Amino acid sequence: MASHRSPALWLATGSPRRRDLLEQAGFPIAGRIAPGDPVDETLRPDESASAAAERLARAKLAAALAAPGRPTDAVLLAADTLVVGADGVPLGKPRDAREAERMLAGLSGRWHAVTTAVAVGDGLRCRQVTVTSWLKMITLDPAVIRAYVATGEPLDKAGGYGLQGRAGALIERIEGDCSAVIGLPLADTSRLLAAFGVRPAWLTTHA
């Protein structure tokens, strides 16, 4: 059968985890488009995690769409992930090791939520999806928290930990989408991309 060429997929995210997830699913990545102006990721007072994640994903997408030199036929993908502590407060990336330790102490032995919002657009239209999963962390000894933070792994991750890294051994139960917890809900993202004609290479080759 004849193959069908998909539009070029560009990322409006610098996350290597999201890129890995897409490539493992078979989506060819044309490259990354850095926003012309950085997006302020400061959380607003009384803003829910889902509202904040959706706002930030849209803002990242808009910034990349407005970047100079963007290919006119590009389909862009942006995303944002937030962790919600047991007290209901959204947690972004820790500013330093001390804040990472505080975040992990607050999650220790308790259930918490992880919300990921994905926005896809081509300059003419935009579609978005938000997925929330629930996780329970084991009870962490303060020495374990300090040792984990000392690895440096928590400092660029929402909530101060990464499921796909060393902290995978710290999560005892997950209810929801594991790929969304890592940073990109693959099934929902695939449906979003399909609406723009972007499909995995293995599917376009044999469709």
N, C-alpha and C. Protein backbone atom coordinates (compact mmCIF):
# COMPACT_ATOMS: atom_id res chain seq x y z
N MET A 1 0.83 -1.19 0.00
CA MET A 1 0.00 0.00 0.00
C MET A 1 0.87 1.25 0.00
N ALA A 2 0.35 2.32 -0.54
CA ALA A 2 1.10 3.56 -0.57
C ALA A 2 1.19 4.15 0.83
N SER A 3 2.33 4.76 1.12
CA SER A 3 2.51 5.37 2.43
C SER A 3 1.89 6.77 2.43
N HIS A 4 1.56 7.26 3.62
CA HIS A 4 0.96 8.59 3.77
C HIS A 4 1.90 9.45 4.59
N ARG A 5 2.28 10.57 4.08
CA ARG A 5 3.23 11.44 4.76
C ARG A 5 2.52 12.26 5.83
N SER A 6 3.05 12.20 7.04
CA SER A 6 2.50 12.98 8.15
C SER A 6 3.11 14.36 8.17
N PRO A 7 2.38 15.36 8.66
CA PRO A 7 2.99 16.68 8.87
C PRO A 7 4.16 16.56 9.85
N ALA A 8 5.10 17.48 9.76
CA ALA A 8 6.26 17.45 10.64
C ALA A 8 5.85 17.81 12.08
N LEU A 9 6.30 16.99 13.03
CA LEU A 9 6.01 17.22 14.44
C LEU A 9 7.21 17.89 15.10
N TRP A 10 6.99 19.06 15.67
CA TRP A 10 8.02 19.79 16.39
C TRP A 10 7.61 19.89 17.85
N LEU A 11 8.58 19.91 18.72
CA LEU A 11 8.30 19.98 20.15
C LEU A 11 8.50 21.39 20.68
N ALA A 12 7.55 21.83 21.49
CA ALA A 12 7.66 23.09 22.21
C ALA A 12 7.97 22.77 23.67
N THR A 13 8.78 21.75 23.87
CA THR A 13 9.19 21.32 25.20
C THR A 13 10.62 20.82 25.12
N GLY A 14 11.40 21.12 26.13
CA GLY A 14 12.77 20.65 26.16
C GLY A 14 12.93 19.37 26.96
N SER A 15 11.83 18.77 27.40
CA SER A 15 11.88 17.58 28.24
C SER A 15 12.37 16.37 27.45
N PRO A 16 13.50 15.79 27.84
CA PRO A 16 13.96 14.57 27.16
C PRO A 16 13.03 13.39 27.41
N ARG A 17 12.32 13.42 28.53
CA ARG A 17 11.40 12.31 28.84
C ARG A 17 10.23 12.30 27.86
N ARG A 18 9.69 13.47 27.55
CA ARG A 18 8.57 13.53 26.60
C ARG A 18 9.03 13.13 25.21
N ARG A 19 10.19 13.60 24.83
CA ARG A 19 10.73 13.22 23.51
C ARG A 19 10.93 11.71 23.43
N ASP A 20 11.48 11.11 24.48
CA ASP A 20 11.71 9.66 24.50
C ASP A 20 10.39 8.90 24.36
N LEU A 21 9.36 9.35 25.08
CA LEU A 21 8.06 8.67 25.02
C LEU A 21 7.50 8.70 23.59
N LEU A 22 7.57 9.87 22.95
CA LEU A 22 7.05 9.99 21.58
C LEU A 22 7.85 9.13 20.61
N GLU A 23 9.16 9.16 20.73
CA GLU A 23 9.99 8.38 19.81
C GLU A 23 9.81 6.88 20.02
N GLN A 24 9.64 6.47 21.28
CA GLN A 24 9.39 5.05 21.55
C GLN A 24 8.06 4.59 20.96
N ALA A 25 7.10 5.51 20.88
CA ALA A 25 5.80 5.18 20.28
C ALA A 25 5.84 5.25 18.76
N GLY A 26 6.96 5.71 18.20
CA GLY A 26 7.13 5.71 16.75
C GLY A 26 6.89 7.04 16.07
N PHE A 27 6.75 8.12 16.84
CA PHE A 27 6.54 9.44 16.23
C PHE A 27 7.88 10.07 15.86
N PRO A 28 8.11 10.36 14.58
CA PRO A 28 9.34 11.05 14.20
C PRO A 28 9.29 12.50 14.69
N ILE A 29 10.36 12.97 15.29
CA ILE A 29 10.43 14.33 15.80
C ILE A 29 11.33 15.15 14.87
N ALA A 30 10.76 16.20 14.31
CA ALA A 30 11.54 17.05 13.40
C ALA A 30 12.55 17.89 14.16
N GLY A 31 12.24 18.25 15.39
CA GLY A 31 13.14 19.06 16.19
C GLY A 31 12.38 19.79 17.28
N ARG A 32 13.07 20.72 17.91
CA ARG A 32 12.46 21.53 18.98
C ARG A 32 12.47 22.98 18.57
N ILE A 33 11.38 23.67 18.85
CA ILE A 33 11.29 25.10 18.61
C ILE A 33 11.28 25.80 19.96
N ALA A 34 12.34 26.54 20.23
CA ALA A 34 12.42 27.26 21.50
C ALA A 34 11.56 28.52 21.42
N PRO A 35 10.84 28.84 22.48
CA PRO A 35 10.00 30.04 22.47
C PRO A 35 10.85 31.29 22.35
N GLY A 36 10.31 32.29 21.66
CA GLY A 36 11.01 33.56 21.55
C GLY A 36 11.18 34.21 22.90
N ASP A 37 10.16 34.10 23.74
CA ASP A 37 10.21 34.63 25.10
C ASP A 37 9.93 33.50 26.08
N PRO A 38 10.70 33.38 27.15
CA PRO A 38 10.46 32.31 28.12
C PRO A 38 9.10 32.44 28.79
N VAL A 39 8.51 31.30 29.12
CA VAL A 39 7.20 31.29 29.77
C VAL A 39 7.38 31.33 31.28
N ASP A 40 6.69 32.25 31.92
CA ASP A 40 6.72 32.35 33.38
C ASP A 40 5.88 31.21 33.95
N GLU A 41 6.54 30.29 34.66
CA GLU A 41 5.84 29.12 35.20
C GLU A 41 5.40 29.30 36.64
N THR A 42 5.38 30.54 37.11
CA THR A 42 4.92 30.81 38.47
C THR A 42 3.45 30.44 38.60
N LEU A 43 3.14 29.67 39.65
CA LEU A 43 1.75 29.27 39.87
C LEU A 43 0.97 30.42 40.51
N ARG A 44 -0.28 30.57 40.09
CA ARG A 44 -1.10 31.64 40.61
C ARG A 44 -1.80 31.21 41.89
N PRO A 45 -2.03 32.14 42.81
CA PRO A 45 -2.72 31.79 44.06
C PRO A 45 -4.12 31.23 43.78
N ASP A 46 -4.47 30.17 44.49
CA ASP A 46 -5.79 29.55 44.40
C ASP A 46 -6.08 28.92 43.03
N GLU A 47 -5.05 28.75 42.19
CA GLU A 47 -5.24 28.12 40.88
C GLU A 47 -5.13 26.61 41.04
N SER A 48 -6.09 25.85 40.51
CA SER A 48 -6.03 24.40 40.60
C SER A 48 -4.91 23.86 39.73
N ALA A 49 -4.49 22.64 40.02
CA ALA A 49 -3.40 22.04 39.25
C ALA A 49 -3.79 21.87 37.79
N SER A 50 -5.02 21.43 37.55
CA SER A 50 -5.43 21.22 36.15
C SER A 50 -5.49 22.54 35.40
N ALA A 51 -6.01 23.59 36.06
CA ALA A 51 -6.08 24.90 35.42
C ALA A 51 -4.69 25.45 35.15
N ALA A 52 -3.77 25.27 36.11
CA ALA A 52 -2.41 25.77 35.93
C ALA A 52 -1.68 25.01 34.83
N ALA A 53 -1.81 23.68 34.83
CA ALA A 53 -1.14 22.89 33.81
C ALA A 53 -1.65 23.22 32.42
N GLU A 54 -2.96 23.40 32.30
CA GLU A 54 -3.55 23.75 31.01
C GLU A 54 -3.09 25.13 30.56
N ARG A 55 -3.08 26.09 31.48
CA ARG A 55 -2.63 27.45 31.14
C ARG A 55 -1.18 27.44 30.68
N LEU A 56 -0.32 26.73 31.40
CA LEU A 56 1.10 26.72 31.06
C LEU A 56 1.36 25.98 29.75
N ALA A 57 0.63 24.88 29.51
CA ALA A 57 0.81 24.16 28.24
C ALA A 57 0.42 25.05 27.07
N ARG A 58 -0.70 25.76 27.20
CA ARG A 58 -1.13 26.68 26.14
C ARG A 58 -0.12 27.81 25.94
N ALA A 59 0.40 28.33 27.05
CA ALA A 59 1.36 29.43 26.96
C ALA A 59 2.65 28.98 26.28
N LYS A 60 3.10 27.78 26.58
CA LYS A 60 4.31 27.25 25.94
C LYS A 60 4.08 27.04 24.44
N LEU A 61 2.90 26.54 24.11
CA LEU A 61 2.56 26.33 22.70
C LEU A 61 2.52 27.67 21.96
N ALA A 62 1.85 28.65 22.56
CA ALA A 62 1.73 29.97 21.92
C ALA A 62 3.10 30.61 21.73
N ALA A 63 3.97 30.46 22.73
CA ALA A 63 5.31 31.07 22.64
C ALA A 63 6.12 30.43 21.52
N ALA A 64 5.98 29.12 21.35
CA ALA A 64 6.71 28.44 20.28
C ALA A 64 6.13 28.77 18.91
N LEU A 65 4.80 28.88 18.84
CA LEU A 65 4.16 29.24 17.57
C LEU A 65 4.57 30.64 17.12
N ALA A 66 4.88 31.50 18.10
CA ALA A 66 5.27 32.87 17.78
C ALA A 66 6.77 33.03 17.57
N ALA A 67 7.52 31.94 17.73
CA ALA A 67 8.97 32.03 17.60
C ALA A 67 9.37 32.32 16.16
N PRO A 68 10.37 33.17 15.94
CA PRO A 68 10.82 33.47 14.58
C PRO A 68 11.43 32.22 13.93
N GLY A 69 11.16 32.07 12.64
CA GLY A 69 11.73 30.94 11.91
C GLY A 69 10.97 29.65 12.02
N ARG A 70 9.80 29.69 12.67
CA ARG A 70 9.01 28.45 12.79
C ARG A 70 8.54 27.99 11.41
N PRO A 71 8.74 26.70 11.07
CA PRO A 71 8.22 26.19 9.80
C PRO A 71 6.71 26.38 9.72
N THR A 72 6.22 26.87 8.61
CA THR A 72 4.80 27.19 8.49
C THR A 72 3.92 25.94 8.52
N ASP A 73 4.48 24.79 8.16
CA ASP A 73 3.68 23.56 8.13
C ASP A 73 3.87 22.72 9.39
N ALA A 74 4.50 23.30 10.43
CA ALA A 74 4.81 22.54 11.63
C ALA A 74 3.59 22.32 12.51
N VAL A 75 3.49 21.13 13.08
CA VAL A 75 2.55 20.84 14.16
C VAL A 75 3.38 20.81 15.43
N LEU A 76 2.98 21.62 16.41
CA LEU A 76 3.76 21.75 17.63
C LEU A 76 3.05 21.10 18.81
N LEU A 77 3.85 20.56 19.71
CA LEU A 77 3.33 19.93 20.93
C LEU A 77 4.00 20.55 22.14
N ALA A 78 3.17 20.98 23.09
CA ALA A 78 3.67 21.51 24.36
C ALA A 78 2.97 20.76 25.50
N ALA A 79 3.58 20.74 26.66
CA ALA A 79 2.98 20.04 27.79
C ALA A 79 3.48 20.62 29.10
N ASP A 80 2.72 20.36 30.15
CA ASP A 80 3.13 20.78 31.48
C ASP A 80 2.62 19.76 32.49
N THR A 81 3.46 19.45 33.47
CA THR A 81 3.10 18.47 34.49
C THR A 81 3.23 19.09 35.87
N LEU A 82 2.22 18.88 36.71
CA LEU A 82 2.25 19.37 38.09
C LEU A 82 1.89 18.23 39.03
N VAL A 83 2.50 18.24 40.18
CA VAL A 83 2.17 17.29 41.25
C VAL A 83 1.31 18.04 42.27
N VAL A 84 0.31 17.36 42.79
CA VAL A 84 -0.56 17.97 43.81
C VAL A 84 -0.38 17.21 45.10
N GLY A 85 0.12 17.89 46.12
CA GLY A 85 0.35 17.26 47.41
C GLY A 85 -0.93 16.86 48.10
N ALA A 86 -0.79 16.14 49.19
CA ALA A 86 -1.95 15.67 49.94
C ALA A 86 -2.79 16.82 50.47
N ASP A 87 -2.19 18.01 50.59
CA ASP A 87 -2.93 19.17 51.07
C ASP A 87 -3.64 19.91 49.94
N GLY A 88 -3.52 19.37 48.71
CA GLY A 88 -4.20 19.98 47.57
C GLY A 88 -3.45 21.10 46.90
N VAL A 89 -2.25 21.41 47.36
CA VAL A 89 -1.46 22.50 46.78
C VAL A 89 -0.62 21.98 45.61
N PRO A 90 -0.73 22.61 44.42
CA PRO A 90 0.08 22.18 43.28
C PRO A 90 1.57 22.43 43.53
N LEU A 91 2.39 21.48 43.10
CA LEU A 91 3.83 21.58 43.27
C LEU A 91 4.50 21.59 41.90
N GLY A 92 5.26 22.62 41.64
CA GLY A 92 6.05 22.66 40.42
C GLY A 92 7.43 22.07 40.67
N LYS A 93 8.43 22.57 39.95
CA LYS A 93 9.81 22.10 40.15
C LYS A 93 10.41 22.81 41.36
N PRO A 94 11.12 22.09 42.21
CA PRO A 94 11.73 22.74 43.38
C PRO A 94 12.81 23.74 42.96
N ARG A 95 12.90 24.82 43.71
CA ARG A 95 13.89 25.85 43.39
C ARG A 95 15.28 25.46 43.85
N ASP A 96 15.35 24.60 44.86
CA ASP A 96 16.66 24.18 45.36
C ASP A 96 16.50 22.87 46.12
N ALA A 97 17.60 22.35 46.65
CA ALA A 97 17.60 21.07 47.34
C ALA A 97 16.72 21.10 48.58
N ARG A 98 16.75 22.22 49.29
CA ARG A 98 15.94 22.31 50.52
C ARG A 98 14.45 22.22 50.20
N GLU A 99 14.02 22.89 49.13
CA GLU A 99 12.61 22.81 48.77
C GLU A 99 12.25 21.41 48.27
N ALA A 100 13.16 20.76 47.57
CA ALA A 100 12.92 19.38 47.13
C ALA A 100 12.73 18.46 48.32
N GLU A 101 13.53 18.64 49.36
CA GLU A 101 13.39 17.83 50.57
C GLU A 101 12.04 18.07 51.23
N ARG A 102 11.61 19.33 51.27
CA ARG A 102 10.29 19.64 51.86
C ARG A 102 9.18 18.98 51.06
N MET A 103 9.26 19.03 49.73
CA MET A 103 8.23 18.42 48.90
C MET A 103 8.15 16.92 49.16
N LEU A 104 9.29 16.26 49.18
CA LEU A 104 9.30 14.81 49.36
C LEU A 104 8.81 14.42 50.75
N ALA A 105 9.15 15.22 51.75
CA ALA A 105 8.66 14.94 53.11
C ALA A 105 7.14 15.04 53.16
N GLY A 106 6.58 15.99 52.40
CA GLY A 106 5.13 16.15 52.36
C GLY A 106 4.42 15.03 51.62
N LEU A 107 5.12 14.39 50.67
CA LEU A 107 4.53 13.30 49.90
C LEU A 107 4.74 11.94 50.57
N SER A 108 5.69 11.86 51.47
CA SER A 108 6.06 10.59 52.12
C SER A 108 4.87 9.89 52.77
N GLY A 109 4.67 8.64 52.35
CA GLY A 109 3.63 7.80 52.95
C GLY A 109 2.21 8.19 52.59
N ARG A 110 2.03 9.07 51.62
CA ARG A 110 0.69 9.58 51.33
C ARG A 110 0.37 9.48 49.84
N TRP A 111 -0.93 9.54 49.54
CA TRP A 111 -1.39 9.62 48.17
C TRP A 111 -1.24 11.05 47.66
N HIS A 112 -0.95 11.18 46.39
CA HIS A 112 -0.91 12.49 45.76
C HIS A 112 -1.30 12.33 44.30
N ALA A 113 -1.59 13.45 43.66
CA ALA A 113 -2.01 13.43 42.26
C ALA A 113 -0.93 14.03 41.36
N VAL A 114 -0.89 13.54 40.12
CA VAL A 114 -0.01 14.10 39.10
C VAL A 114 -0.88 14.46 37.90
N THR A 115 -0.86 15.72 37.51
CA THR A 115 -1.68 16.21 36.40
C THR A 115 -0.79 16.66 35.25
N THR A 116 -1.05 16.15 34.06
CA THR A 116 -0.32 16.55 32.86
C THR A 116 -1.29 17.09 31.83
N ALA A 117 -1.01 18.28 31.32
CA ALA A 117 -1.79 18.88 30.24
C ALA A 117 -0.94 18.91 28.98
N VAL A 118 -1.55 18.55 27.85
CA VAL A 118 -0.87 18.55 26.56
C VAL A 118 -1.63 19.45 25.61
N ALA A 119 -0.92 20.31 24.90
CA ALA A 119 -1.53 21.19 23.91
C ALA A 119 -0.83 20.98 22.57
N VAL A 120 -1.63 20.80 21.53
CA VAL A 120 -1.10 20.61 20.17
C VAL A 120 -1.72 21.66 19.27
N GLY A 121 -0.93 22.29 18.41
CA GLY A 121 -1.46 23.30 17.51
C GLY A 121 -0.59 23.49 16.29
N ASP A 122 -1.16 24.15 15.27
CA ASP A 122 -0.43 24.41 14.03
C ASP A 122 -0.52 25.87 13.61
N GLY A 123 -0.98 26.73 14.51
CA GLY A 123 -1.13 28.14 14.19
C GLY A 123 -2.54 28.52 13.77
N LEU A 124 -3.31 27.52 13.34
CA LEU A 124 -4.69 27.77 12.93
C LEU A 124 -5.68 27.23 13.96
N ARG A 125 -5.32 26.16 14.61
CA ARG A 125 -6.20 25.55 15.60
C ARG A 125 -5.35 24.94 16.70
N CYS A 126 -5.99 24.70 17.83
CA CYS A 126 -5.31 24.12 18.99
C CYS A 126 -6.25 23.12 19.66
N ARG A 127 -5.70 22.01 20.07
CA ARG A 127 -6.47 21.03 20.84
C ARG A 127 -5.67 20.68 22.09
N GLN A 128 -6.40 20.31 23.14
CA GLN A 128 -5.75 20.11 24.42
C GLN A 128 -6.40 18.96 25.18
N VAL A 129 -5.61 18.29 26.00
CA VAL A 129 -6.13 17.22 26.85
C VAL A 129 -5.40 17.28 28.19
N THR A 130 -6.10 16.93 29.25
CA THR A 130 -5.51 16.93 30.59
C THR A 130 -5.80 15.58 31.25
N VAL A 131 -4.77 14.98 31.84
CA VAL A 131 -4.90 13.66 32.47
C VAL A 131 -4.35 13.73 33.89
N THR A 132 -5.11 13.20 34.84
CA THR A 132 -4.67 13.16 36.24
C THR A 132 -4.58 11.71 36.71
N SER A 133 -3.48 11.38 37.35
CA SER A 133 -3.26 10.05 37.92
C SER A 133 -2.98 10.20 39.41
N TRP A 134 -3.17 9.09 40.13
CA TRP A 134 -2.95 9.10 41.58
C TRP A 134 -1.85 8.11 41.94
N LEU A 135 -0.98 8.54 42.86
CA LEU A 135 0.14 7.71 43.27
C LEU A 135 0.28 7.72 44.80
N LYS A 136 0.79 6.62 45.33
CA LYS A 136 1.10 6.57 46.76
C LYS A 136 2.59 6.32 46.92
N MET A 137 3.24 7.20 47.67
CA MET A 137 4.67 7.06 47.93
C MET A 137 4.89 6.28 49.22
N ILE A 138 5.94 5.50 49.26
CA ILE A 138 6.28 4.80 50.50
C ILE A 138 6.69 5.82 51.55
N THR A 139 6.70 5.40 52.80
CA THR A 139 7.16 6.28 53.86
C THR A 139 8.67 6.40 53.78
N LEU A 140 9.14 7.64 53.68
CA LEU A 140 10.56 7.89 53.45
C LEU A 140 11.26 8.33 54.73
N ASP A 141 12.35 7.66 55.05
CA ASP A 141 13.22 8.10 56.14
C ASP A 141 13.90 9.41 55.71
N PRO A 142 14.09 10.35 56.62
CA PRO A 142 14.76 11.61 56.25
C PRO A 142 16.11 11.39 55.58
N ALA A 143 16.83 10.34 55.97
CA ALA A 143 18.13 10.05 55.35
C ALA A 143 17.96 9.66 53.90
N VAL A 144 16.87 8.93 53.60
CA VAL A 144 16.59 8.53 52.22
C VAL A 144 16.26 9.77 51.38
N ILE A 145 15.48 10.66 51.94
CA ILE A 145 15.14 11.91 51.23
C ILE A 145 16.40 12.68 50.91
N ARG A 146 17.28 12.85 51.90
CA ARG A 146 18.51 13.61 51.67
C ARG A 146 19.39 12.94 50.61
N ALA A 147 19.47 11.61 50.66
CA ALA A 147 20.31 10.89 49.70
C ALA A 147 19.75 11.01 48.29
N TYR A 148 18.44 10.94 48.17
CA TYR A 148 17.83 11.06 46.84
C TYR A 148 18.02 12.47 46.29
N VAL A 149 17.79 13.47 47.11
CA VAL A 149 17.96 14.85 46.66
C VAL A 149 19.42 15.11 46.27
N ALA A 150 20.35 14.48 46.98
CA ALA A 150 21.77 14.67 46.69
C ALA A 150 22.16 14.15 45.31
N THR A 151 21.34 13.26 44.72
CA THR A 151 21.64 12.78 43.37
C THR A 151 21.42 13.86 42.32
N GLY A 152 20.67 14.90 42.68
CA GLY A 152 20.35 15.96 41.74
C GLY A 152 19.14 15.68 40.88
N GLU A 153 18.64 14.45 40.92
CA GLU A 153 17.52 14.07 40.06
C GLU A 153 16.24 14.87 40.32
N PRO A 154 15.92 15.22 41.57
CA PRO A 154 14.64 15.88 41.82
C PRO A 154 14.54 17.32 41.34
N LEU A 155 15.66 17.97 41.05
CA LEU A 155 15.66 19.41 40.89
C LEU A 155 15.00 19.92 39.62
N ASP A 156 14.82 19.07 38.61
CA ASP A 156 14.15 19.54 37.39
C ASP A 156 12.84 18.80 37.16
N LYS A 157 12.24 18.30 38.27
CA LYS A 157 11.02 17.52 38.14
C LYS A 157 9.94 18.05 39.08
N ALA A 158 8.72 18.14 38.55
CA ALA A 158 7.60 18.60 39.36
C ALA A 158 7.42 17.68 40.57
N GLY A 159 7.25 18.28 41.72
CA GLY A 159 7.06 17.50 42.94
C GLY A 159 8.35 16.97 43.53
N GLY A 160 9.46 17.17 42.84
CA GLY A 160 10.75 16.76 43.37
C GLY A 160 11.10 15.30 43.16
N TYR A 161 10.45 14.62 42.22
CA TYR A 161 10.84 13.24 41.93
C TYR A 161 10.45 12.88 40.51
N GLY A 162 11.09 11.81 39.99
CA GLY A 162 10.77 11.32 38.65
C GLY A 162 10.48 9.83 38.70
N LEU A 163 9.29 9.45 38.28
CA LEU A 163 8.88 8.04 38.31
C LEU A 163 9.82 7.18 37.49
N GLN A 164 10.33 7.71 36.37
CA GLN A 164 11.14 6.93 35.46
C GLN A 164 12.59 6.79 35.94
N GLY A 165 12.93 7.46 37.04
CA GLY A 165 14.30 7.41 37.55
C GLY A 165 14.40 6.61 38.83
N ARG A 166 15.30 7.06 39.70
CA ARG A 166 15.54 6.35 40.96
C ARG A 166 14.29 6.31 41.83
N ALA A 167 13.43 7.32 41.70
CA ALA A 167 12.24 7.38 42.55
C ALA A 167 11.19 6.36 42.16
N GLY A 168 11.40 5.62 41.07
CA GLY A 168 10.47 4.55 40.73
C GLY A 168 10.35 3.54 41.87
N ALA A 169 11.43 3.41 42.66
CA ALA A 169 11.42 2.48 43.79
C ALA A 169 10.73 3.07 45.02
N LEU A 170 10.33 4.33 44.94
CA LEU A 170 9.69 4.99 46.08
C LEU A 170 8.18 5.04 45.96
N ILE A 171 7.65 4.60 44.82
CA ILE A 171 6.20 4.63 44.59
C ILE A 171 5.65 3.22 44.72
N GLU A 172 4.72 3.04 45.63
CA GLU A 172 4.21 1.68 45.87
C GLU A 172 2.92 1.37 45.13
N ARG A 173 2.22 2.42 44.65
CA ARG A 173 0.97 2.15 43.93
C ARG A 173 0.64 3.31 43.00
N ILE A 174 0.11 2.96 41.83
CA ILE A 174 -0.30 3.96 40.84
C ILE A 174 -1.71 3.64 40.37
N GLU A 175 -2.57 4.64 40.33
CA GLU A 175 -3.89 4.51 39.74
C GLU A 175 -4.00 5.55 38.63
N GLY A 176 -3.93 5.08 37.39
CA GLY A 176 -3.99 6.02 36.27
C GLY A 176 -2.99 5.68 35.19
N ASP A 177 -2.56 6.69 34.45
CA ASP A 177 -1.72 6.55 33.28
C ASP A 177 -0.26 6.78 33.65
N CYS A 178 0.55 5.72 33.59
CA CYS A 178 1.97 5.84 33.96
C CYS A 178 2.71 6.81 33.04
N SER A 179 2.40 6.77 31.75
CA SER A 179 3.10 7.66 30.82
C SER A 179 2.76 9.13 31.11
N ALA A 180 1.54 9.39 31.58
CA ALA A 180 1.17 10.76 31.95
C ALA A 180 1.97 11.22 33.16
N VAL A 181 2.24 10.31 34.09
CA VAL A 181 3.02 10.65 35.27
C VAL A 181 4.45 11.01 34.86
N ILE A 182 4.99 10.30 33.87
CA ILE A 182 6.34 10.58 33.39
C ILE A 182 6.37 11.91 32.64
N GLY A 183 5.24 12.30 32.04
CA GLY A 183 5.21 13.60 31.40
C GLY A 183 4.36 13.73 30.15
N LEU A 184 3.81 12.59 29.65
CA LEU A 184 3.01 12.68 28.43
C LEU A 184 2.08 11.47 28.32
N PRO A 185 0.76 11.69 28.44
CA PRO A 185 -0.19 10.58 28.31
C PRO A 185 -0.25 10.11 26.85
N LEU A 186 0.38 8.99 26.56
CA LEU A 186 0.59 8.61 25.16
C LEU A 186 -0.70 8.34 24.39
N ALA A 187 -1.64 7.64 24.99
CA ALA A 187 -2.87 7.32 24.26
C ALA A 187 -3.63 8.60 23.90
N ASP A 188 -3.79 9.48 24.88
CA ASP A 188 -4.52 10.73 24.62
C ASP A 188 -3.74 11.64 23.68
N THR A 189 -2.43 11.66 23.82
CA THR A 189 -1.60 12.48 22.94
C THR A 189 -1.67 11.97 21.50
N SER A 190 -1.68 10.67 21.34
CA SER A 190 -1.78 10.08 20.00
C SER A 190 -3.07 10.50 19.31
N ARG A 191 -4.16 10.56 20.08
CA ARG A 191 -5.44 11.00 19.51
C ARG A 191 -5.38 12.47 19.13
N LEU A 192 -4.74 13.28 19.96
CA LEU A 192 -4.59 14.70 19.63
C LEU A 192 -3.80 14.87 18.34
N LEU A 193 -2.69 14.18 18.24
CA LEU A 193 -1.83 14.31 17.06
C LEU A 193 -2.53 13.80 15.80
N ALA A 194 -3.32 12.74 15.94
CA ALA A 194 -4.04 12.19 14.78
C ALA A 194 -5.00 13.22 14.20
N ALA A 195 -5.55 14.09 15.04
CA ALA A 195 -6.46 15.13 14.57
C ALA A 195 -5.74 16.14 13.67
N PHE A 196 -4.41 16.19 13.76
CA PHE A 196 -3.61 17.07 12.91
C PHE A 196 -2.90 16.28 11.80
N GLY A 197 -3.25 15.01 11.67
CA GLY A 197 -2.64 14.18 10.63
C GLY A 197 -1.30 13.60 10.99
N VAL A 198 -0.89 13.73 12.25
CA VAL A 198 0.41 13.21 12.68
C VAL A 198 0.21 11.82 13.29
N ARG A 199 0.87 10.84 12.69
CA ARG A 199 0.74 9.45 13.15
C ARG A 199 2.12 8.81 13.28
N PRO A 200 2.22 7.71 14.03
CA PRO A 200 3.51 7.02 14.15
C PRO A 200 4.01 6.57 12.77
N ALA A 201 5.33 6.54 12.64
CA ALA A 201 5.92 6.15 11.36
C ALA A 201 5.52 4.74 10.96
N TRP A 202 5.42 3.84 11.94
CA TRP A 202 5.07 2.45 11.61
C TRP A 202 3.65 2.33 11.09
N LEU A 203 2.79 3.27 11.50
CA LEU A 203 1.40 3.24 11.04
C LEU A 203 1.26 3.89 9.65
N THR A 204 1.98 4.98 9.41
CA THR A 204 1.87 5.65 8.11
C THR A 204 2.53 4.81 7.02
N THR A 205 3.52 4.02 7.39
CA THR A 205 4.21 3.18 6.41
C THR A 205 3.33 2.04 5.93
N HIS A 206 2.52 1.49 6.83
CA HIS A 206 1.74 0.30 6.50
C HIS A 206 0.24 0.55 6.41
N ALA A 207 -0.15 1.80 6.53
CA ALA A 207 -1.60 2.10 6.44
C ALA A 207 -2.11 1.94 5.02
